[in-house]
Amino acid sequence: MGNAVYRAYEALAGKAGLTFDSGNGVIYGRRNGFDVIIYAADSRYPYLITVSLGANRAGGCLGKDDWKRFIKEHKPVQNVKNDGNVVEMVLRATSNTEKFCENFILAFDALSSFLIANGYTKCCHFCGQQVETHPYYVSNTFVHLCQDCSARVSSELHLANHEKKQKKENVIAGIVGALIGSLIGVLCIVAIGQLGYVAALSGIIMAICTLKGYEFLGGKLSTKGIVASIVLMLVMTYVGNQLEWAIVVTRELGYDFLYSFQLVPVLLHQETIASSAYWGGLALVYIF
């Protein structure tokens, strides 16, 4: 977060009577009886803020036409979405700090009045109960939860982390998965090589597919898995390079593919295949 954005967020929090969490780039607190969270949905556009609050009404959410009228009547508001127990309002972007703060205060005060007039009351984001809530950071998202929901979410996250740590690793199955993944990398090396290129993409695909293959069948990726995957990457990258040259030999000299594959080292030794082209191409793929 740049200095200008930091100052704008700090000013907004101060004028609105809210708290600025600079570490996460989020403003939160209570205003006009509603618990509110303010954040930029896309960090590239920090002045395009989303205002999120927990609110519901006995008769269910208002219709789209009601919200369209609200948006039309309030210029700072770009969009409003009411999904279940959450109301989200997006404000028009401005880098002018004074206007940035003014837009929020005008828009939020109008929104809170509109919600109260239409029978909305503050509630927990998850269960919808109209009880006291507090801000929590859950799965990379800030939400306002009641005590029961926060305890349940905390318990579920703890259990999920515990299960992940306890999950056993099957090394043999992992190696099989890494081998299958590396074959995809080999195909990529050969296919791109036939187009006359040595691309970083082939090396990246080899690495990702090998590691993901091990993790998928092995259960988890440990240090043993990483070492096994690296060994397979090195071996299969060499195999892929050999296959690529065998295709060239088959095409140029007319031999069958298996014989051409066996002939590559001989042709390299005889310098029929230029060593600079062979080892240079292999080195590039390894680097990638």
C-alpha atoms as a PDB file:
ATOM      1  CA  MET A   1       0.000   0.000   0.000  1.00  0.00           C
ATOM      2  CA  GLY A   2       1.472   3.333  -1.096  1.00  0.00           C
ATOM      3  CA  ASN A   3       1.797   6.355   1.178  1.00  0.00           C
ATOM      4  CA  ALA A   4      -1.034   8.259  -0.519  1.00  0.00           C
ATOM      5  CA  VAL A   5      -3.423   5.302  -0.204  1.00  0.00           C
ATOM      6  CA  TYR A   6      -2.366   4.740   3.405  1.00  0.00           C
ATOM      7  CA  ARG A   7      -3.137   8.369   4.264  1.00  0.00           C
ATOM      8  CA  ALA A   8      -6.518   8.175   2.482  1.00  0.00           C
ATOM      9  CA  TYR A   9      -7.534   5.018   4.376  1.00  0.00           C
ATOM     10  CA  GLU A  10      -6.282   6.462   7.659  1.00  0.00           C
ATOM     11  CA  ALA A  11      -8.254   9.656   7.066  1.00  0.00           C
ATOM     12  CA  LEU A  12     -11.405   7.707   6.183  1.00  0.00           C
ATOM     13  CA  ALA A  13     -11.157   5.588   9.332  1.00  0.00           C
ATOM     14  CA  GLY A  14     -10.654   8.681  11.477  1.00  0.00           C
ATOM     15  CA  LYS A  15     -13.553  10.674   9.999  1.00  0.00           C
ATOM     16  CA  ALA A  16     -15.933   7.687  10.059  1.00  0.00           C
ATOM     17  CA  GLY A  17     -15.012   6.613  13.595  1.00  0.00           C
ATOM     18  CA  LEU A  18     -13.680   3.239  12.429  1.00  0.00           C
ATOM     19  CA  THR A  19     -10.446   1.240  12.836  1.00  0.00           C
ATOM     20  CA  PHE A  20      -7.790   0.976  10.105  1.00  0.00           C
ATOM     21  CA  ASP A  21      -5.921  -2.347   9.952  1.00  0.00           C
ATOM     22  CA  SER A  22      -2.896  -1.236   7.902  1.00  0.00           C
ATOM     23  CA  GLY A  23      -1.422  -4.754   7.838  1.00  0.00           C
ATOM     24  CA  ASN A  24      -4.353  -6.102   5.847  1.00  0.00           C
ATOM     25  CA  GLY A  25      -5.454  -2.850   4.205  1.00  0.00           C
ATOM     26  CA  VAL A  26      -8.929  -3.078   5.761  1.00  0.00           C
ATOM     27  CA  ILE A  27     -11.095  -0.605   7.664  1.00  0.00           C
ATOM     28  CA  TYR A  28     -13.675  -1.991  10.079  1.00  0.00           C
ATOM     29  CA  GLY A  29     -15.899  -1.043  12.982  1.00  0.00           C
ATOM     30  CA  ARG A  30     -19.457   0.049  13.777  1.00  0.00           C
ATOM     31  CA  ARG A  31     -21.316   2.993  12.302  1.00  0.00           C
ATOM     32  CA  ASN A  32     -25.018   3.871  12.508  1.00  0.00           C
ATOM     33  CA  GLY A  33     -25.735   0.596  14.290  1.00  0.00           C
ATOM     34  CA  PHE A  34     -24.163  -1.640  11.606  1.00  0.00           C
ATOM     35  CA  ASP A  35     -20.865  -3.526  11.710  1.00  0.00           C
ATOM     36  CA  VAL A  36     -18.988  -2.534   8.561  1.00  0.00           C
ATOM     37  CA  ILE A  37     -15.890  -3.714   6.700  1.00  0.00           C
ATOM     38  CA  ILE A  38     -14.246  -1.555   4.001  1.00  0.00           C
ATOM     39  CA  TYR A  39     -11.675  -2.979   1.595  1.00  0.00           C
ATOM     40  CA  ALA A  40     -10.469  -2.885  -2.003  1.00  0.00           C
ATOM     41  CA  ALA A  41     -11.637  -6.017  -3.815  1.00  0.00           C
ATOM     42  CA  ASP A  42      -8.709  -5.617  -6.231  1.00  0.00           C
ATOM     43  CA  SER A  43      -5.439  -4.361  -4.729  1.00  0.00           C
ATOM     44  CA  ARG A  44      -4.557  -2.762  -8.070  1.00  0.00           C
ATOM     45  CA  TYR A  45      -7.431  -0.312  -7.560  1.00  0.00           C
ATOM     46  CA  PRO A  46      -7.214   0.709  -3.883  1.00  0.00           C
ATOM     47  CA  TYR A  47      -9.580   3.658  -4.277  1.00  0.00           C
ATOM     48  CA  LEU A  48     -12.361   1.434  -5.658  1.00  0.00           C
ATOM     49  CA  ILE A  49     -13.649   0.282  -2.286  1.00  0.00           C
ATOM     50  CA  THR A  50     -16.263  -2.259  -1.278  1.00  0.00           C
ATOM     51  CA  VAL A  51     -18.338  -1.585   1.833  1.00  0.00           C
ATOM     52  CA  SER A  52     -19.600  -4.836   3.358  1.00  0.00           C
ATOM     53  CA  LEU A  53     -21.991  -5.273   6.264  1.00  0.00           C
ATOM     54  CA  GLY A  54     -24.132  -8.037   7.767  1.00  0.00           C
ATOM     55  CA  ALA A  55     -27.841  -7.221   7.549  1.00  0.00           C
ATOM     56  CA  ASN A  56     -31.107  -9.022   6.856  1.00  0.00           C
ATOM     57  CA  ARG A  57     -34.843  -8.472   7.059  1.00  0.00           C
ATOM     58  CA  ALA A  58     -37.827 -10.640   7.931  1.00  0.00           C
ATOM     59  CA  GLY A  59     -39.336 -10.389   4.462  1.00  0.00           C
ATOM     60  CA  GLY A  60     -36.156 -11.431   2.654  1.00  0.00           C
ATOM     61  CA  CYS A  61     -33.799  -9.391   0.470  1.00  0.00           C
ATOM     62  CA  LEU A  62     -35.050  -6.366  -1.436  1.00  0.00           C
ATOM     63  CA  GLY A  63     -35.440  -6.790  -5.196  1.00  0.00           C
ATOM     64  CA  LYS A  64     -33.077  -5.541  -7.902  1.00  0.00           C
ATOM     65  CA  ASP A  65     -35.383  -2.652  -8.803  1.00  0.00           C
ATOM     66  CA  ASP A  66     -35.218  -1.313  -5.238  1.00  0.00           C
ATOM     67  CA  TRP A  67     -31.431  -1.349  -5.309  1.00  0.00           C
ATOM     68  CA  LYS A  68     -31.312   0.191  -8.785  1.00  0.00           C
ATOM     69  CA  ARG A  69     -33.351   3.131  -7.502  1.00  0.00           C
ATOM     70  CA  PHE A  70     -31.021   3.509  -4.530  1.00  0.00           C
ATOM     71  CA  ILE A  71     -27.944   3.517  -6.798  1.00  0.00           C
ATOM     72  CA  LYS A  72     -29.536   6.055  -9.149  1.00  0.00           C
ATOM     73  CA  GLU A  73     -30.344   8.406  -6.268  1.00  0.00           C
ATOM     74  CA  HIS A  74     -26.818   8.357  -4.789  1.00  0.00           C
ATOM     75  CA  LYS A  75     -23.994   9.399  -7.116  1.00  0.00           C
ATOM     76  CA  PRO A  76     -21.034   8.021  -5.076  1.00  0.00           C
ATOM     77  CA  VAL A  77     -22.538   4.513  -5.307  1.00  0.00           C
ATOM     78  CA  GLN A  78     -21.454   2.371  -8.247  1.00  0.00           C
ATOM     79  CA  ASN A  79     -23.223  -0.851  -7.287  1.00  0.00           C
ATOM     80  CA  VAL A  80     -25.024  -2.608  -4.434  1.00  0.00           C
ATOM     81  CA  LYS A  81     -25.462  -6.359  -3.979  1.00  0.00           C
ATOM     82  CA  ASN A  82     -27.638  -8.008  -1.330  1.00  0.00           C
ATOM     83  CA  ASP A  83     -26.918 -11.720  -1.037  1.00  0.00           C
ATOM     84  CA  GLY A  84     -28.412 -13.510   1.970  1.00  0.00           C
ATOM     85  CA  ASN A  85     -27.093 -11.893   5.149  1.00  0.00           C
ATOM     86  CA  VAL A  86     -24.567  -9.655   3.406  1.00  0.00           C
ATOM     87  CA  VAL A  87     -25.027  -6.242   1.791  1.00  0.00           C
ATOM     88  CA  GLU A  88     -22.088  -5.038  -0.317  1.00  0.00           C
ATOM     89  CA  MET A  89     -21.828  -1.537  -1.732  1.00  0.00           C
ATOM     90  CA  VAL A  90     -19.130  -0.500  -4.217  1.00  0.00           C
ATOM     91  CA  LEU A  91     -18.223   3.201  -4.322  1.00  0.00           C
ATOM     92  CA  ARG A  92     -16.888   5.131  -7.278  1.00  0.00           C
ATOM     93  CA  ALA A  93     -13.119   5.553  -7.208  1.00  0.00           C
ATOM     94  CA  THR A  94     -11.433   8.861  -6.456  1.00  0.00           C
ATOM     95  CA  SER A  95      -7.851   9.527  -5.397  1.00  0.00           C
ATOM     96  CA  ASN A  96      -8.802  12.839  -3.771  1.00  0.00           C
ATOM     97  CA  THR A  97      -8.635  12.076  -0.035  1.00  0.00           C
ATOM     98  CA  GLU A  98     -11.287  14.595   0.975  1.00  0.00           C
ATOM     99  CA  LYS A  99     -13.700  13.333  -1.714  1.00  0.00           C
ATOM    100  CA  PHE A 100     -12.793   9.721  -0.862  1.00  0.00           C
ATOM    101  CA  CYS A 101     -13.902  10.234   2.743  1.00  0.00           C
ATOM    102  CA  GLU A 102     -16.919  12.361   1.819  1.00  0.00           C
ATOM    103  CA  ASN A 103     -18.206   9.754  -0.657  1.00  0.00           C
ATOM    104  CA  PHE A 104     -18.075   7.016   1.950  1.00  0.00           C
ATOM    105  CA  ILE A 105     -19.812   9.008   4.689  1.00  0.00           C
ATOM    106  CA  LEU A 106     -22.588  10.201   2.362  1.00  0.00           C
ATOM    107  CA  ALA A 107     -23.097   6.766   0.782  1.00  0.00           C
ATOM    108  CA  PHE A 108     -22.937   4.761   4.009  1.00  0.00           C
ATOM    109  CA  ASP A 109     -25.235   7.091   5.940  1.00  0.00           C
ATOM    110  CA  ALA A 110     -27.712   6.871   3.057  1.00  0.00           C
ATOM    111  CA  LEU A 111     -27.376   3.070   2.919  1.00  0.00           C
ATOM    112  CA  SER A 112     -27.844   2.572   6.651  1.00  0.00           C
ATOM    113  CA  SER A 113     -30.935   4.834   6.646  1.00  0.00           C
ATOM    114  CA  PHE A 114     -32.297   2.958   3.638  1.00  0.00           C
ATOM    115  CA  LEU A 115     -31.742  -0.400   5.319  1.00  0.00           C
ATOM    116  CA  ILE A 116     -33.412   0.674   8.578  1.00  0.00           C
ATOM    117  CA  ALA A 117     -36.361   2.160   6.680  1.00  0.00           C
ATOM    118  CA  ASN A 118     -36.842  -1.154   4.898  1.00  0.00           C
ATOM    119  CA  GLY A 119     -36.730  -3.301   8.037  1.00  0.00           C
ATOM    120  CA  TYR A 120     -33.089  -4.469   7.935  1.00  0.00           C
ATOM    121  CA  THR A 121     -31.163  -5.091  11.133  1.00  0.00           C
ATOM    122  CA  LYS A 122     -27.525  -5.960  11.685  1.00  0.00           C
ATOM    123  CA  CYS A 123     -26.708  -9.656  11.867  1.00  0.00           C
ATOM    124  CA  CYS A 124     -23.981 -12.302  11.738  1.00  0.00           C
ATOM    125  CA  HIS A 125     -22.587 -12.813   8.226  1.00  0.00           C
ATOM    126  CA  PHE A 126     -22.885 -16.606   8.547  1.00  0.00           C
ATOM    127  CA  CYS A 127     -25.955 -17.566  10.565  1.00  0.00           C
ATOM    128  CA  GLY A 128     -27.970 -14.362  10.196  1.00  0.00           C
ATOM    129  CA  GLN A 129     -28.792 -14.085  13.903  1.00  0.00           C
ATOM    130  CA  GLN A 130     -29.413 -10.536  15.057  1.00  0.00           C
ATOM    131  CA  VAL A 131     -26.895 -10.658  17.885  1.00  0.00           C
ATOM    132  CA  GLU A 132     -23.606  -9.016  18.822  1.00  0.00           C
ATOM    133  CA  THR A 133     -20.853  -9.677  16.257  1.00  0.00           C
ATOM    134  CA  HIS A 134     -17.103  -9.111  16.002  1.00  0.00           C
ATOM    135  CA  PRO A 135     -14.715  -8.898  13.015  1.00  0.00           C
ATOM    136  CA  TYR A 136     -12.756 -12.031  12.052  1.00  0.00           C
ATOM    137  CA  TYR A 137     -10.326 -12.886   9.286  1.00  0.00           C
ATOM    138  CA  VAL A 138     -11.468 -16.161   7.711  1.00  0.00           C
ATOM    139  CA  SER A 139     -10.060 -17.722   4.500  1.00  0.00           C
ATOM    140  CA  ASN A 140      -8.503 -14.430   3.312  1.00  0.00           C
ATOM    141  CA  THR A 141     -11.771 -12.552   3.954  1.00  0.00           C
ATOM    142  CA  PHE A 142     -12.948 -10.271   6.764  1.00  0.00           C
ATOM    143  CA  VAL A 143     -16.397 -11.067   8.155  1.00  0.00           C
ATOM    144  CA  HIS A 144     -18.460 -10.124  11.215  1.00  0.00           C
ATOM    145  CA  LEU A 145     -19.454 -13.232  13.169  1.00  0.00           C
ATOM    146  CA  CYS A 146     -21.414 -13.949  16.293  1.00  0.00           C
ATOM    147  CA  GLN A 147     -19.765 -15.849  19.154  1.00  0.00           C
ATOM    148  CA  ASP A 148     -21.235 -19.224  18.119  1.00  0.00           C
ATOM    149  CA  CYS A 149     -20.175 -18.914  14.466  1.00  0.00           C
ATOM    150  CA  SER A 150     -16.685 -17.693  15.341  1.00  0.00           C
ATOM    151  CA  ALA A 151     -16.218 -20.695  17.677  1.00  0.00           C
ATOM    152  CA  ARG A 152     -17.481 -23.102  14.997  1.00  0.00           C
ATOM    153  CA  VAL A 153     -15.292 -21.594  12.263  1.00  0.00           C
ATOM    154  CA  SER A 154     -12.257 -21.643  14.544  1.00  0.00           C
ATOM    155  CA  SER A 155     -12.900 -25.305  15.391  1.00  0.00           C
ATOM    156  CA  GLU A 156     -13.359 -26.270  11.724  1.00  0.00           C
ATOM    157  CA  LEU A 157     -10.147 -24.493  10.668  1.00  0.00           C
ATOM    158  CA  HIS A 158      -8.219 -26.143  13.512  1.00  0.00           C
ATOM    159  CA  LEU A 159      -9.579 -29.570  12.526  1.00  0.00           C
ATOM    160  CA  ALA A 160      -8.764 -29.016   8.843  1.00  0.00           C
ATOM    161  CA  ASN A 161      -5.181 -27.969   9.683  1.00  0.00           C
ATOM    162  CA  HIS A 162      -4.795 -30.950  12.007  1.00  0.00           C
ATOM    163  CA  GLU A 163      -6.039 -33.386   9.346  1.00  0.00           C
ATOM    164  CA  LYS A 164      -3.676 -31.870   6.797  1.00  0.00           C
ATOM    165  CA  LYS A 165      -0.715 -32.325   9.156  1.00  0.00           C
ATOM    166  CA  GLN A 166      -1.761 -35.879  10.041  1.00  0.00           C
ATOM    167  CA  LYS A 167      -2.302 -36.949   6.454  1.00  0.00           C
ATOM    168  CA  LYS A 168       0.102 -39.783   5.685  1.00  0.00           C
ATOM    169  CA  GLU A 169       2.411 -39.698   2.696  1.00  0.00           C
ATOM    170  CA  ASN A 170       2.511 -42.631   0.284  1.00  0.00           C
ATOM    171  CA  VAL A 171       5.984 -42.330  -1.255  1.00  0.00           C
ATOM    172  CA  ILE A 172       5.536 -45.107  -3.852  1.00  0.00           C
ATOM    173  CA  ALA A 173       2.220 -43.712  -5.086  1.00  0.00           C
ATOM    174  CA  GLY A 174       3.765 -40.227  -5.045  1.00  0.00           C
ATOM    175  CA  ILE A 175       6.653 -41.332  -7.257  1.00  0.00           C
ATOM    176  CA  VAL A 176       4.166 -42.904  -9.683  1.00  0.00           C
ATOM    177  CA  GLY A 177       2.245 -39.616  -9.736  1.00  0.00           C
ATOM    178  CA  ALA A 178       5.439 -37.646 -10.290  1.00  0.00           C
ATOM    179  CA  LEU A 179       6.388 -39.992 -13.156  1.00  0.00           C
ATOM    180  CA  ILE A 180       2.989 -39.501 -14.797  1.00  0.00           C
ATOM    181  CA  GLY A 181       3.328 -35.742 -14.361  1.00  0.00           C
ATOM    182  CA  SER A 182       6.837 -35.728 -15.800  1.00  0.00           C
ATOM    183  CA  LEU A 183       5.571 -37.553 -18.911  1.00  0.00           C
ATOM    184  CA  ILE A 184       3.356 -34.536 -19.587  1.00  0.00           C
ATOM    185  CA  GLY A 185       6.487 -32.398 -19.322  1.00  0.00           C
ATOM    186  CA  VAL A 186       8.304 -34.688 -21.767  1.00  0.00           C
ATOM    187  CA  LEU A 187       5.465 -34.356 -24.289  1.00  0.00           C
ATOM    188  CA  CYS A 188       5.652 -30.586 -23.932  1.00  0.00           C
ATOM    189  CA  ILE A 189       9.431 -30.547 -24.506  1.00  0.00           C
ATOM    190  CA  VAL A 190       9.066 -32.686 -27.642  1.00  0.00           C
ATOM    191  CA  ALA A 191       6.072 -30.768 -29.014  1.00  0.00           C
ATOM    192  CA  ILE A 192       7.654 -27.342 -28.544  1.00  0.00           C
ATOM    193  CA  GLY A 193      10.996 -28.639 -29.837  1.00  0.00           C
ATOM    194  CA  GLN A 194       9.348 -29.760 -33.080  1.00  0.00           C
ATOM    195  CA  LEU A 195       8.264 -26.175 -33.623  1.00  0.00           C
ATOM    196  CA  GLY A 196      11.903 -25.141 -33.488  1.00  0.00           C
ATOM    197  CA  TYR A 197      11.839 -23.520 -30.052  1.00  0.00           C
ATOM    198  CA  VAL A 198      13.318 -24.117 -26.632  1.00  0.00           C
ATOM    199  CA  ALA A 199      10.695 -22.485 -24.418  1.00  0.00           C
ATOM    200  CA  ALA A 200      10.635 -21.672 -20.724  1.00  0.00           C
ATOM    201  CA  LEU A 201       7.093 -23.022 -20.789  1.00  0.00           C
ATOM    202  CA  SER A 202       8.313 -26.601 -21.241  1.00  0.00           C
ATOM    203  CA  GLY A 203      10.506 -26.410 -18.150  1.00  0.00           C
ATOM    204  CA  ILE A 204       7.761 -24.796 -16.097  1.00  0.00           C
ATOM    205  CA  ILE A 205       5.232 -27.452 -17.144  1.00  0.00           C
ATOM    206  CA  MET A 206       7.721 -30.213 -16.321  1.00  0.00           C
ATOM    207  CA  ALA A 207       8.248 -28.825 -12.801  1.00  0.00           C
ATOM    208  CA  ILE A 208       4.587 -28.136 -11.999  1.00  0.00           C
ATOM    209  CA  CYS A 209       3.241 -31.428 -13.377  1.00  0.00           C
ATOM    210  CA  THR A 210       5.903 -33.517 -11.634  1.00  0.00           C
ATOM    211  CA  LEU A 211       5.397 -31.884  -8.227  1.00  0.00           C
ATOM    212  CA  LYS A 212       1.597 -31.847  -8.492  1.00  0.00           C
ATOM    213  CA  GLY A 213       1.599 -35.463  -9.668  1.00  0.00           C
ATOM    214  CA  TYR A 214       3.542 -36.497  -6.570  1.00  0.00           C
ATOM    215  CA  GLU A 215       1.259 -34.517  -4.249  1.00  0.00           C
ATOM    216  CA  PHE A 216      -1.932 -35.832  -5.897  1.00  0.00           C
ATOM    217  CA  LEU A 217      -1.113 -39.539  -5.562  1.00  0.00           C
ATOM    218  CA  GLY A 218       1.262 -39.315  -2.608  1.00  0.00           C
ATOM    219  CA  GLY A 219      -1.147 -37.438  -0.359  1.00  0.00           C
ATOM    220  CA  LYS A 220       1.199 -34.571   0.444  1.00  0.00           C
ATOM    221  CA  LEU A 221       4.471 -33.087  -0.760  1.00  0.00           C
ATOM    222  CA  SER A 222       7.251 -33.550   1.784  1.00  0.00           C
ATOM    223  CA  THR A 223      11.006 -33.045   1.493  1.00  0.00           C
ATOM    224  CA  LYS A 224      11.289 -36.663   0.300  1.00  0.00           C
ATOM    225  CA  GLY A 225       8.710 -35.958  -2.356  1.00  0.00           C
ATOM    226  CA  ILE A 226      10.509 -32.842  -3.552  1.00  0.00           C
ATOM    227  CA  VAL A 227      13.829 -34.707  -3.807  1.00  0.00           C
ATOM    228  CA  ALA A 228      12.222 -37.613  -5.702  1.00  0.00           C
ATOM    229  CA  SER A 229      10.451 -35.178  -8.020  1.00  0.00           C
ATOM    230  CA  ILE A 230      13.664 -33.268  -8.757  1.00  0.00           C
ATOM    231  CA  VAL A 231      15.470 -36.492  -9.661  1.00  0.00           C
ATOM    232  CA  LEU A 232      12.614 -37.431 -11.990  1.00  0.00           C
ATOM    233  CA  MET A 233      12.636 -33.945 -13.533  1.00  0.00           C
ATOM    234  CA  LEU A 234      16.347 -34.238 -14.326  1.00  0.00           C
ATOM    235  CA  VAL A 235      16.023 -37.737 -15.805  1.00  0.00           C
ATOM    236  CA  MET A 236      12.846 -37.089 -17.779  1.00  0.00           C
ATOM    237  CA  THR A 237      14.081 -33.769 -19.153  1.00  0.00           C
ATOM    238  CA  TYR A 238      17.086 -35.649 -20.559  1.00  0.00           C
ATOM    239  CA  VAL A 239      14.731 -38.313 -21.982  1.00  0.00           C
ATOM    240  CA  GLY A 240      12.565 -35.617 -23.540  1.00  0.00           C
ATOM    241  CA  ASN A 241      15.592 -34.057 -25.200  1.00  0.00           C
ATOM    242  CA  GLN A 242      16.671 -37.471 -26.534  1.00  0.00           C
ATOM    243  CA  LEU A 243      13.197 -38.125 -27.932  1.00  0.00           C
ATOM    244  CA  GLU A 244      13.189 -34.753 -29.648  1.00  0.00           C
ATOM    245  CA  TRP A 245      16.509 -35.510 -31.383  1.00  0.00           C
ATOM    246  CA  ALA A 246      15.367 -39.044 -32.266  1.00  0.00           C
ATOM    247  CA  ILE A 247      12.437 -37.519 -34.151  1.00  0.00           C
ATOM    248  CA  VAL A 248      14.856 -35.252 -36.016  1.00  0.00           C
ATOM    249  CA  VAL A 249      17.058 -38.238 -36.947  1.00  0.00           C
ATOM    250  CA  THR A 250      14.022 -40.240 -38.097  1.00  0.00           C
ATOM    251  CA  ARG A 251      12.830 -37.354 -40.239  1.00  0.00           C
ATOM    252  CA  GLU A 252      16.239 -36.537 -41.780  1.00  0.00           C
ATOM    253  CA  LEU A 253      17.775 -40.013 -42.228  1.00  0.00           C
ATOM    254  CA  GLY A 254      14.655 -42.170 -42.611  1.00  0.00           C
ATOM    255  CA  TYR A 255      15.451 -44.696 -39.874  1.00  0.00           C
ATOM    256  CA  ASP A 256      12.725 -46.131 -37.643  1.00  0.00           C
ATOM    257  CA  PHE A 257      12.183 -44.244 -34.404  1.00  0.00           C
ATOM    258  CA  LEU A 258      13.618 -46.816 -31.955  1.00  0.00           C
ATOM    259  CA  TYR A 259      16.834 -47.142 -33.956  1.00  0.00           C
ATOM    260  CA  SER A 260      17.068 -43.350 -34.246  1.00  0.00           C
ATOM    261  CA  PHE A 261      16.725 -43.025 -30.476  1.00  0.00           C
ATOM    262  CA  GLN A 262      19.654 -45.439 -29.967  1.00  0.00           C
ATOM    263  CA  LEU A 263      21.642 -43.680 -32.698  1.00  0.00           C
ATOM    264  CA  VAL A 264      21.544 -40.189 -31.157  1.00  0.00           C
ATOM    265  CA  PRO A 265      24.628 -40.689 -28.866  1.00  0.00           C
ATOM    266  CA  VAL A 266      26.599 -42.151 -31.811  1.00  0.00           C
ATOM    267  CA  LEU A 267      25.744 -39.232 -34.096  1.00  0.00           C
ATOM    268  CA  LEU A 268      26.594 -36.831 -31.296  1.00  0.00           C
ATOM    269  CA  HIS A 269      29.990 -38.538 -30.813  1.00  0.00           C
ATOM    270  CA  GLN A 270      30.645 -38.385 -34.567  1.00  0.00           C
ATOM    271  CA  GLU A 271      29.615 -34.719 -34.508  1.00  0.00           C
ATOM    272  CA  THR A 272      26.936 -35.380 -37.091  1.00  0.00           C
ATOM    273  CA  ILE A 273      24.737 -33.707 -34.499  1.00  0.00           C
ATOM    274  CA  ALA A 274      26.371 -30.432 -33.458  1.00  0.00           C
ATOM    275  CA  SER A 275      27.288 -30.701 -29.789  1.00  0.00           C
ATOM    276  CA  SER A 276      26.573 -27.003 -29.253  1.00  0.00           C
ATOM    277  CA  ALA A 277      22.994 -27.421 -30.478  1.00  0.00           C
ATOM    278  CA  TYR A 278      22.413 -30.618 -28.471  1.00  0.00           C
ATOM    279  CA  TRP A 279      23.952 -29.602 -25.144  1.00  0.00           C
ATOM    280  CA  GLY A 280      22.898 -25.973 -25.488  1.00  0.00           C
ATOM    281  CA  GLY A 281      19.248 -26.916 -25.964  1.00  0.00           C
ATOM    282  CA  LEU A 282      19.364 -29.382 -23.083  1.00  0.00           C
ATOM    283  CA  ALA A 283      21.008 -26.807 -20.796  1.00  0.00           C
ATOM    284  CA  LEU A 284      18.323 -24.239 -21.593  1.00  0.00           C
ATOM    285  CA  VAL A 285      15.508 -26.631 -20.731  1.00  0.00           C
ATOM    286  CA  TYR A 286      17.248 -27.539 -17.463  1.00  0.00           C
ATOM    287  CA  ILE A 287      17.648 -23.855 -16.602  1.00  0.00           C
ATOM    288  CA  PHE A 288      13.989 -23.192 -17.319  1.00  0.00           C
END
